[in-house]
Amino acid sequence: MADESSPTAPLRPARQAERQIIDRLRSGEWRSVSGLGVPVSKGIMSILLRNGWIEQRGTGSSYEIKLTADGRTALTALQPVYKGTRPRR
């Protein structure tokens, strides 16, 4: 498990939109972003790159991404469970 003080330690678990993308990259192979089958915004891409969860190669609309070891950890990390978020009747 990554040390909290290390620069690659995730600041938070991956959110649903991020998990959808990194889930499609489980094979560890380079994949075209346009061929992932889920919407990929520039904002989500910058978060994934900044957190070190993916690597990117290429430019323009034909670039590819690949899951890193930190990305695999973020994908398998436990998600927080929020209890009591539904209003009581």
PDB file of N, CA and C in Angstrom:
ATOM      1  N   MET A   1       0.849  -1.173   0.000  1.00  0.00           N
ATOM      2  CA  MET A   1       0.000   0.000   0.000  1.00  0.00           C
ATOM      3  C   MET A   1       0.892   1.233   0.000  1.00  0.00           C
ATOM      4  N   ALA A   2       0.480   2.288  -0.714  1.00  0.00           N
ATOM      5  CA  ALA A   2       1.296   3.492  -0.829  1.00  0.00           C
ATOM      6  C   ALA A   2       1.292   4.271   0.475  1.00  0.00           C
ATOM      7  N   ASP A   3       2.445   4.830   0.812  1.00  0.00           N
ATOM      8  CA  ASP A   3       2.582   5.647   2.012  1.00  0.00           C
ATOM      9  C   ASP A   3       1.868   6.973   1.784  1.00  0.00           C
ATOM     10  N   GLU A   4       1.157   7.456   2.786  1.00  0.00           N
ATOM     11  CA  GLU A   4       0.396   8.692   2.649  1.00  0.00           C
ATOM     12  C   GLU A   4       1.270   9.898   2.317  1.00  0.00           C
ATOM     13  N   SER A   5       2.554   9.864   2.709  1.00  0.00           N
ATOM     14  CA  SER A   5       3.420  10.996   2.442  1.00  0.00           C
ATOM     15  C   SER A   5       4.090  10.914   1.080  1.00  0.00           C
ATOM     16  N   SER A   6       3.965   9.786   0.389  1.00  0.00           N
ATOM     17  CA  SER A   6       4.602   9.658  -0.914  1.00  0.00           C
ATOM     18  C   SER A   6       3.851  10.480  -1.955  1.00  0.00           C
ATOM     19  N   PRO A   7       4.552  10.991  -2.969  1.00  0.00           N
ATOM     20  CA  PRO A   7       3.900  11.821  -3.970  1.00  0.00           C
ATOM     21  C   PRO A   7       2.902  11.057  -4.821  1.00  0.00           C
ATOM     22  N   THR A   8       2.987   9.725  -4.863  1.00  0.00           N
ATOM     23  CA  THR A   8       2.062   8.953  -5.675  1.00  0.00           C
ATOM     24  C   THR A   8       0.859   8.453  -4.886  1.00  0.00           C
ATOM     25  N   ALA A   9       0.804   8.724  -3.592  1.00  0.00           N
ATOM     26  CA  ALA A   9      -0.342   8.294  -2.797  1.00  0.00           C
ATOM     27  C   ALA A   9      -1.575   9.077  -3.222  1.00  0.00           C
ATOM     28  N   PRO A  10      -2.675   8.387  -3.567  1.00  0.00           N
ATOM     29  CA  PRO A  10      -3.867   9.113  -3.986  1.00  0.00           C
ATOM     30  C   PRO A  10      -4.420   9.975  -2.861  1.00  0.00           C
ATOM     31  N   LEU A  11      -4.869  11.155  -3.217  1.00  0.00           N
ATOM     32  CA  LEU A  11      -5.443  12.055  -2.232  1.00  0.00           C
ATOM     33  C   LEU A  11      -6.827  11.592  -1.812  1.00  0.00           C
ATOM     34  N   ARG A  12      -7.464  10.829  -2.664  1.00  0.00           N
ATOM     35  CA  ARG A  12      -8.818  10.348  -2.410  1.00  0.00           C
ATOM     36  C   ARG A  12      -9.060   9.145  -3.307  1.00  0.00           C
ATOM     37  N   PRO A  13     -10.073   8.349  -3.004  1.00  0.00           N
ATOM     38  CA  PRO A  13     -10.406   7.246  -3.909  1.00  0.00           C
ATOM     39  C   PRO A  13     -10.912   7.799  -5.254  1.00  0.00           C
ATOM     40  N   ALA A  14     -10.822   6.980  -6.273  1.00  0.00           N
ATOM     41  CA  ALA A  14     -11.312   7.382  -7.596  1.00  0.00           C
ATOM     42  C   ALA A  14     -12.827   7.541  -7.561  1.00  0.00           C
ATOM     43  N   ARG A  15     -13.309   8.583  -8.208  1.00  0.00           N
ATOM     44  CA  ARG A  15     -14.755   8.811  -8.316  1.00  0.00           C
ATOM     45  C   ARG A  15     -15.317   7.947  -9.452  1.00  0.00           C
ATOM     46  N   GLN A  16     -16.628   7.891  -9.552  1.00  0.00           N
ATOM     47  CA  GLN A  16     -17.285   6.997 -10.502  1.00  0.00           C
ATOM     48  C   GLN A  16     -16.828   7.238 -11.944  1.00  0.00           C
ATOM     49  N   ALA A  17     -16.801   8.466 -12.404  1.00  0.00           N
ATOM     50  CA  ALA A  17     -16.398   8.750 -13.786  1.00  0.00           C
ATOM     51  C   ALA A  17     -14.950   8.334 -14.025  1.00  0.00           C
ATOM     52  N   GLU A  18     -14.100   8.553 -13.040  1.00  0.00           N
ATOM     53  CA  GLU A  18     -12.694   8.149 -13.151  1.00  0.00           C
ATOM     54  C   GLU A  18     -12.566   6.633 -13.140  1.00  0.00           C
ATOM     55  N   ARG A  19     -13.344   5.980 -12.293  1.00  0.00           N
ATOM     56  CA  ARG A  19     -13.311   4.517 -12.202  1.00  0.00           C
ATOM     57  C   ARG A  19     -13.784   3.872 -13.497  1.00  0.00           C
ATOM     58  N   GLN A  20     -14.761   4.480 -14.172  1.00  0.00           N
ATOM     59  CA  GLN A  20     -15.231   3.936 -15.445  1.00  0.00           C
ATOM     60  C   GLN A  20     -14.109   3.908 -16.467  1.00  0.00           C
ATOM     61  N   ILE A  21     -13.308   4.953 -16.482  1.00  0.00           N
ATOM     62  CA  ILE A  21     -12.210   5.023 -17.447  1.00  0.00           C
ATOM     63  C   ILE A  21     -11.106   4.044 -17.076  1.00  0.00           C
ATOM     64  N   ILE A  22     -10.656   4.073 -15.822  1.00  0.00           N
ATOM     65  CA  ILE A  22      -9.546   3.192 -15.467  1.00  0.00           C
ATOM     66  C   ILE A  22      -9.968   1.721 -15.465  1.00  0.00           C
ATOM     67  N   ASP A  23     -11.254   1.445 -15.280  1.00  0.00           N
ATOM     68  CA  ASP A  23     -11.743   0.073 -15.374  1.00  0.00           C
ATOM     69  C   ASP A  23     -11.564  -0.464 -16.795  1.00  0.00           C
ATOM     70  N   ARG A  24     -11.728   0.385 -17.791  1.00  0.00           N
ATOM     71  CA  ARG A  24     -11.570  -0.025 -19.190  1.00  0.00           C
ATOM     72  C   ARG A  24     -10.106  -0.249 -19.562  1.00  0.00           C
ATOM     73  N   LEU A  25      -9.200   0.158 -18.686  1.00  0.00           N
ATOM     74  CA  LEU A  25      -7.770   0.039 -18.956  1.00  0.00           C
ATOM     75  C   LEU A  25      -7.129  -1.102 -18.173  1.00  0.00           C
ATOM     76  N   ARG A  26      -7.923  -1.974 -17.578  1.00  0.00           N
ATOM     77  CA  ARG A  26      -7.410  -3.053 -16.720  1.00  0.00           C
ATOM     78  C   ARG A  26      -6.375  -3.942 -17.395  1.00  0.00           C
ATOM     79  N   SER A  27      -6.463  -4.100 -18.695  1.00  0.00           N
ATOM     80  CA  SER A  27      -5.539  -5.008 -19.394  1.00  0.00           C
ATOM     81  C   SER A  27      -4.095  -4.533 -19.324  1.00  0.00           C
ATOM     82  N   GLY A  28      -3.892  -3.248 -19.081  1.00  0.00           N
ATOM     83  CA  GLY A  28      -2.543  -2.708 -19.023  1.00  0.00           C
ATOM     84  C   GLY A  28      -1.991  -2.328 -20.380  1.00  0.00           C
ATOM     85  N   GLU A  29      -2.774  -2.531 -21.432  1.00  0.00           N
ATOM     86  CA  GLU A  29      -2.361  -2.189 -22.789  1.00  0.00           C
ATOM     87  C   GLU A  29      -2.706  -0.736 -23.102  1.00  0.00           C
ATOM     88  N   TRP A  30      -2.010  -0.175 -24.079  1.00  0.00           N
ATOM     89  CA  TRP A  30      -2.328   1.168 -24.542  1.00  0.00           C
ATOM     90  C   TRP A  30      -3.661   1.118 -25.278  1.00  0.00           C
ATOM     91  N   ARG A  31      -4.574   2.046 -24.940  1.00  0.00           N
ATOM     92  CA  ARG A  31      -5.897   2.104 -25.572  1.00  0.00           C
ATOM     93  C   ARG A  31      -6.158   3.500 -26.091  1.00  0.00           C
ATOM     94  N   SER A  32      -6.792   3.579 -27.247  1.00  0.00           N
ATOM     95  CA  SER A  32      -7.198   4.862 -27.809  1.00  0.00           C
ATOM     96  C   SER A  32      -8.318   5.439 -26.953  1.00  0.00           C
ATOM     97  N   VAL A  33      -8.230   6.710 -26.630  1.00  0.00           N
ATOM     98  CA  VAL A  33      -9.255   7.346 -25.790  1.00  0.00           C
ATOM     99  C   VAL A  33     -10.604   7.328 -26.498  1.00  0.00           C
ATOM    100  N   SER A  34     -10.600   7.531 -27.804  1.00  0.00           N
ATOM    101  CA  SER A  34     -11.858   7.549 -28.548  1.00  0.00           C
ATOM    102  C   SER A  34     -12.521   6.172 -28.587  1.00  0.00           C
ATOM    103  N   GLY A  35     -11.762   5.106 -28.348  1.00  0.00           N
ATOM    104  CA  GLY A  35     -12.315   3.755 -28.390  1.00  0.00           C
ATOM    105  C   GLY A  35     -12.686   3.176 -27.037  1.00  0.00           C
ATOM    106  N   LEU A  36     -12.694   3.991 -25.985  1.00  0.00           N
ATOM    107  CA  LEU A  36     -13.000   3.472 -24.649  1.00  0.00           C
ATOM    108  C   LEU A  36     -14.478   3.172 -24.448  1.00  0.00           C
ATOM    109  N   GLY A  37     -15.343   3.865 -25.155  1.00  0.00           N
ATOM    110  CA  GLY A  37     -16.768   3.633 -25.007  1.00  0.00           C
ATOM    111  C   GLY A  37     -17.427   4.387 -23.870  1.00  0.00           C
ATOM    112  N   VAL A  38     -16.679   5.272 -23.220  1.00  0.00           N
ATOM    113  CA  VAL A  38     -17.238   6.143 -22.182  1.00  0.00           C
ATOM    114  C   VAL A  38     -16.771   7.570 -22.471  1.00  0.00           C
ATOM    115  N   PRO A  39     -17.560   8.570 -22.080  1.00  0.00           N
ATOM    116  CA  PRO A  39     -17.132   9.951 -22.316  1.00  0.00           C
ATOM    117  C   PRO A  39     -15.910  10.297 -21.466  1.00  0.00           C
ATOM    118  N   VAL A  40     -14.953  10.961 -22.092  1.00  0.00           N
ATOM    119  CA  VAL A  40     -13.716  11.347 -21.416  1.00  0.00           C
ATOM    120  C   VAL A  40     -13.529  12.850 -21.591  1.00  0.00           C
ATOM    121  N   SER A  41     -13.663  13.596 -20.501  1.00  0.00           N
ATOM    122  CA  SER A  41     -13.492  15.043 -20.574  1.00  0.00           C
ATOM    123  C   SER A  41     -12.035  15.417 -20.297  1.00  0.00           C
ATOM    124  N   LYS A  42     -11.667  16.625 -20.688  1.00  0.00           N
ATOM    125  CA  LYS A  42     -10.310  17.110 -20.419  1.00  0.00           C
ATOM    126  C   LYS A  42     -10.054  17.189 -18.921  1.00  0.00           C
ATOM    127  N   GLY A  43     -11.073  17.546 -18.163  1.00  0.00           N
ATOM    128  CA  GLY A  43     -10.935  17.645 -16.709  1.00  0.00           C
ATOM    129  C   GLY A  43     -10.620  16.308 -16.058  1.00  0.00           C
ATOM    130  N   ILE A  44     -11.341  15.268 -16.468  1.00  0.00           N
ATOM    131  CA  ILE A  44     -11.097  13.937 -15.912  1.00  0.00           C
ATOM    132  C   ILE A  44      -9.712  13.446 -16.322  1.00  0.00           C
ATOM    133  N   MET A  45      -9.337  13.692 -17.574  1.00  0.00           N
ATOM    134  CA  MET A  45      -8.006  13.280 -18.037  1.00  0.00           C
ATOM    135  C   MET A  45      -6.914  13.950 -17.214  1.00  0.00           C
ATOM    136  N   SER A  46      -7.079  15.248 -16.938  1.00  0.00           N
ATOM    137  CA  SER A  46      -6.043  15.949 -16.166  1.00  0.00           C
ATOM    138  C   SER A  46      -5.952  15.412 -14.737  1.00  0.00           C
ATOM    139  N   ILE A  47      -7.086  15.034 -14.150  1.00  0.00           N
ATOM    140  CA  ILE A  47      -7.083  14.449 -12.804  1.00  0.00           C
ATOM    141  C   ILE A  47      -6.372  13.102 -12.816  1.00  0.00           C
ATOM    142  N   LEU A  48      -6.688  12.255 -13.791  1.00  0.00           N
ATOM    143  CA  LEU A  48      -6.069  10.939 -13.884  1.00  0.00           C
ATOM    144  C   LEU A  48      -4.562  11.047 -14.088  1.00  0.00           C
ATOM    145  N   LEU A  49      -4.132  11.983 -14.925  1.00  0.00           N
ATOM    146  CA  LEU A  49      -2.703  12.190 -15.169  1.00  0.00           C
ATOM    147  C   LEU A  49      -2.014  12.768 -13.936  1.00  0.00           C
ATOM    148  N   ARG A  50      -2.642  13.756 -13.313  1.00  0.00           N
ATOM    149  CA  ARG A  50      -2.058  14.400 -12.134  1.00  0.00           C
ATOM    150  C   ARG A  50      -1.891  13.406 -10.979  1.00  0.00           C
ATOM    151  N   ASN A  51      -2.854  12.514 -10.814  1.00  0.00           N
ATOM    152  CA  ASN A  51      -2.775  11.512  -9.752  1.00  0.00           C
ATOM    153  C   ASN A  51      -1.829  10.367 -10.096  1.00  0.00           C
ATOM    154  N   GLY A  52      -1.350  10.328 -11.336  1.00  0.00           N
ATOM    155  CA  GLY A  52      -0.433   9.270 -11.743  1.00  0.00           C
ATOM    156  C   GLY A  52      -1.127   7.951 -12.003  1.00  0.00           C
ATOM    157  N   TRP A  53      -2.440   7.976 -12.256  1.00  0.00           N
ATOM    158  CA  TRP A  53      -3.205   6.761 -12.458  1.00  0.00           C
ATOM    159  C   TRP A  53      -3.113   6.257 -13.891  1.00  0.00           C
ATOM    160  N   ILE A  54      -2.763   7.150 -14.836  1.00  0.00           N
ATOM    161  CA  ILE A  54      -2.610   6.753 -16.232  1.00  0.00           C
ATOM    162  C   ILE A  54      -1.364   7.400 -16.816  1.00  0.00           C
ATOM    163  N   GLU A  55      -0.895   6.827 -17.933  1.00  0.00           N
ATOM    164  CA  GLU A  55       0.145   7.423 -18.756  1.00  0.00           C
ATOM    165  C   GLU A  55      -0.506   7.784 -20.080  1.00  0.00           C
ATOM    166  N   GLN A  56       0.041   8.792 -20.751  1.00  0.00           N
ATOM    167  CA  GLN A  56      -0.515   9.235 -22.021  1.00  0.00           C
ATOM    168  C   GLN A  56       0.598   9.288 -23.057  1.00  0.00           C
ATOM    169  N   ARG A  57       0.275   8.889 -24.293  1.00  0.00           N
ATOM    170  CA  ARG A  57       1.210   9.057 -25.401  1.00  0.00           C
ATOM    171  C   ARG A  57       0.426   9.508 -26.629  1.00  0.00           C
ATOM    172  N   GLY A  58       1.088  10.278 -27.474  1.00  0.00           N
ATOM    173  CA  GLY A  58       0.433  10.812 -28.656  1.00  0.00           C
ATOM    174  C   GLY A  58      -0.133  12.194 -28.389  1.00  0.00           C
ATOM    175  N   THR A  59      -0.631  12.820 -29.426  1.00  0.00           N
ATOM    176  CA  THR A  59      -1.201  14.166 -29.316  1.00  0.00           C
ATOM    177  C   THR A  59      -2.481  14.253 -30.132  1.00  0.00           C
ATOM    178  N   GLY A  60      -3.150  15.363 -29.977  1.00  0.00           N
ATOM    179  CA  GLY A  60      -4.369  15.592 -30.745  1.00  0.00           C
ATOM    180  C   GLY A  60      -5.485  14.655 -30.347  1.00  0.00           C
ATOM    181  N   SER A  61      -6.310  14.298 -31.308  1.00  0.00           N
ATOM    182  CA  SER A  61      -7.470  13.452 -31.017  1.00  0.00           C
ATOM    183  C   SER A  61      -7.143  11.965 -31.058  1.00  0.00           C
ATOM    184  N   SER A  62      -5.917  11.611 -31.417  1.00  0.00           N
ATOM    185  CA  SER A  62      -5.584  10.187 -31.547  1.00  0.00           C
ATOM    186  C   SER A  62      -4.615   9.702 -30.470  1.00  0.00           C
ATOM    187  N   TYR A  63      -4.651  10.313 -29.287  1.00  0.00           N
ATOM    188  CA  TYR A  63      -3.724   9.868 -28.247  1.00  0.00           C
ATOM    189  C   TYR A  63      -4.243   8.629 -27.541  1.00  0.00           C
ATOM    190  N   GLU A  64      -3.322   7.932 -26.881  1.00  0.00           N
ATOM    191  CA  GLU A  64      -3.637   6.696 -26.183  1.00  0.00           C
ATOM    192  C   GLU A  64      -3.283   6.848 -24.705  1.00  0.00           C
ATOM    193  N   ILE A  65      -3.951   6.040 -23.884  1.00  0.00           N
ATOM    194  CA  ILE A  65      -3.670   6.043 -22.454  1.00  0.00           C
ATOM    195  C   ILE A  65      -3.486   4.613 -21.969  1.00  0.00           C
ATOM    196  N   LYS A  66      -2.789   4.488 -20.840  1.00  0.00           N
ATOM    197  CA  LYS A  66      -2.480   3.187 -20.262  1.00  0.00           C
ATOM    198  C   LYS A  66      -2.567   3.297 -18.744  1.00  0.00           C
ATOM    199  N   LEU A  67      -3.074   2.282 -18.092  1.00  0.00           N
ATOM    200  CA  LEU A  67      -3.203   2.244 -16.639  1.00  0.00           C
ATOM    201  C   LEU A  67      -1.843   2.015 -15.992  1.00  0.00           C
ATOM    202  N   THR A  68      -1.546   2.766 -14.930  1.00  0.00           N
ATOM    203  CA  THR A  68      -0.306   2.580 -14.182  1.00  0.00           C
ATOM    204  C   THR A  68      -0.574   1.705 -12.959  1.00  0.00           C
ATOM    205  N   ALA A  69       0.480   1.362 -12.249  1.00  0.00           N
ATOM    206  CA  ALA A  69       0.328   0.582 -11.013  1.00  0.00           C
ATOM    207  C   ALA A  69      -0.494   1.362  -9.987  1.00  0.00           C
ATOM    208  N   ASP A  70      -0.282   2.682  -9.907  1.00  0.00           N
ATOM    209  CA  ASP A  70      -1.077   3.507  -8.989  1.00  0.00           C
ATOM    210  C   ASP A  70      -2.543   3.536  -9.413  1.00  0.00           C
ATOM    211  N   GLY A  71      -2.797   3.499 -10.713  1.00  0.00           N
ATOM    212  CA  GLY A  71      -4.171   3.455 -11.211  1.00  0.00           C
ATOM    213  C   GLY A  71      -4.866   2.164 -10.837  1.00  0.00           C
ATOM    214  N   ARG A  72      -4.132   1.069 -10.912  1.00  0.00           N
ATOM    215  CA  ARG A  72      -4.693  -0.226 -10.517  1.00  0.00           C
ATOM    216  C   ARG A  72      -5.031  -0.222  -9.026  1.00  0.00           C
ATOM    217  N   THR A  73      -4.167   0.402  -8.221  1.00  0.00           N
ATOM    218  CA  THR A  73      -4.426   0.525  -6.784  1.00  0.00           C
ATOM    219  C   THR A  73      -5.662   1.368  -6.531  1.00  0.00           C
ATOM    220  N   ALA A  74      -5.793   2.477  -7.258  1.00  0.00           N
ATOM    221  CA  ALA A  74      -6.965   3.352  -7.089  1.00  0.00           C
ATOM    222  C   ALA A  74      -8.250   2.631  -7.488  1.00  0.00           C
ATOM    223  N   LEU A  75      -8.168   1.777  -8.484  1.00  0.00           N
ATOM    224  CA  LEU A  75      -9.344   1.045  -8.939  1.00  0.00           C
ATOM    225  C   LEU A  75      -9.798   0.021  -7.912  1.00  0.00           C
ATOM    226  N   THR A  76      -8.845  -0.604  -7.237  1.00  0.00           N
ATOM    227  CA  THR A  76      -9.197  -1.646  -6.273  1.00  0.00           C
ATOM    228  C   THR A  76      -9.353  -1.115  -4.843  1.00  0.00           C
ATOM    229  N   ALA A  77      -9.100   0.179  -4.640  1.00  0.00           N
ATOM    230  CA  ALA A  77      -9.225   0.762  -3.302  1.00  0.00           C
ATOM    231  C   ALA A  77     -10.677   0.714  -2.844  1.00  0.00           C
ATOM    232  N   LEU A  78     -10.846   0.528  -1.561  1.00  0.00           N
ATOM    233  CA  LEU A  78     -12.192   0.515  -1.004  1.00  0.00           C
ATOM    234  C   LEU A  78     -12.831   1.891  -1.131  1.00  0.00           C
ATOM    235  N   GLN A  79     -14.086   1.901  -1.496  1.00  0.00           N
ATOM    236  CA  GLN A  79     -14.833   3.136  -1.612  1.00  0.00           C
ATOM    237  C   GLN A  79     -15.548   3.414  -0.297  1.00  0.00           C
ATOM    238  N   PRO A  80     -15.610   4.685   0.112  1.00  0.00           N
ATOM    239  CA  PRO A  80     -16.317   4.986   1.357  1.00  0.00           C
ATOM    240  C   PRO A  80     -17.812   4.702   1.217  1.00  0.00           C
ATOM    241  N   VAL A  81     -18.400   4.235   2.290  1.00  0.00           N
ATOM    242  CA  VAL A  81     -19.836   3.972   2.320  1.00  0.00           C
ATOM    243  C   VAL A  81     -20.463   5.021   3.216  1.00  0.00           C
ATOM    244  N   TYR A  82     -21.408   5.733   2.651  1.00  0.00           N
ATOM    245  CA  TYR A  82     -22.082   6.781   3.405  1.00  0.00           C
ATOM    246  C   TYR A  82     -23.423   6.252   3.872  1.00  0.00           C
ATOM    247  N   LYS A  83     -23.577   6.190   5.175  1.00  0.00           N
ATOM    248  CA  LYS A  83     -24.833   5.689   5.737  1.00  0.00           C
ATOM    249  C   LYS A  83     -25.699   6.873   6.149  1.00  0.00           C
ATOM    250  N   GLY A  84     -26.974   6.655   6.068  1.00  0.00           N
ATOM    251  CA  GLY A  84     -27.911   7.683   6.528  1.00  0.00           C
ATOM    252  C   GLY A  84     -28.068   8.861   5.590  1.00  0.00           C
ATOM    253  N   THR A  85     -27.787   8.665   4.300  1.00  0.00           N
ATOM    254  CA  THR A  85     -27.933   9.784   3.368  1.00  0.00           C
ATOM    255  C   THR A  85     -29.348   9.928   2.847  1.00  0.00           C
ATOM    256  N   ARG A  86     -30.153   8.884   3.016  1.00  0.00           N
ATOM    257  CA  ARG A  86     -31.543   8.970   2.578  1.00  0.00           C
ATOM    258  C   ARG A  86     -32.392   9.584   3.686  1.00  0.00           C
ATOM    259  N   PRO A  87     -33.311  10.446   3.327  1.00  0.00           N
ATOM    260  CA  PRO A  87     -34.174  11.002   4.369  1.00  0.00           C
ATOM    261  C   PRO A  87     -35.097   9.929   4.934  1.00  0.00           C
ATOM    262  N   ARG A  88     -35.337  10.011   6.217  1.00  0.00           N
ATOM    263  CA  ARG A  88     -36.236   9.048   6.868  1.00  0.00           C
ATOM    264  C   ARG A  88     -37.668   9.433   6.609  1.00  0.00           C
ATOM    265  N   ARG A  89     -38.521   8.430   6.549  1.00  0.00           N
ATOM    266  CA  ARG A  89     -39.954   8.683   6.313  1.00  0.00           C
ATOM    267  C   ARG A  89     -40.708   8.654   7.604  1.00  0.00           C
TER     268      ARG A  89
END
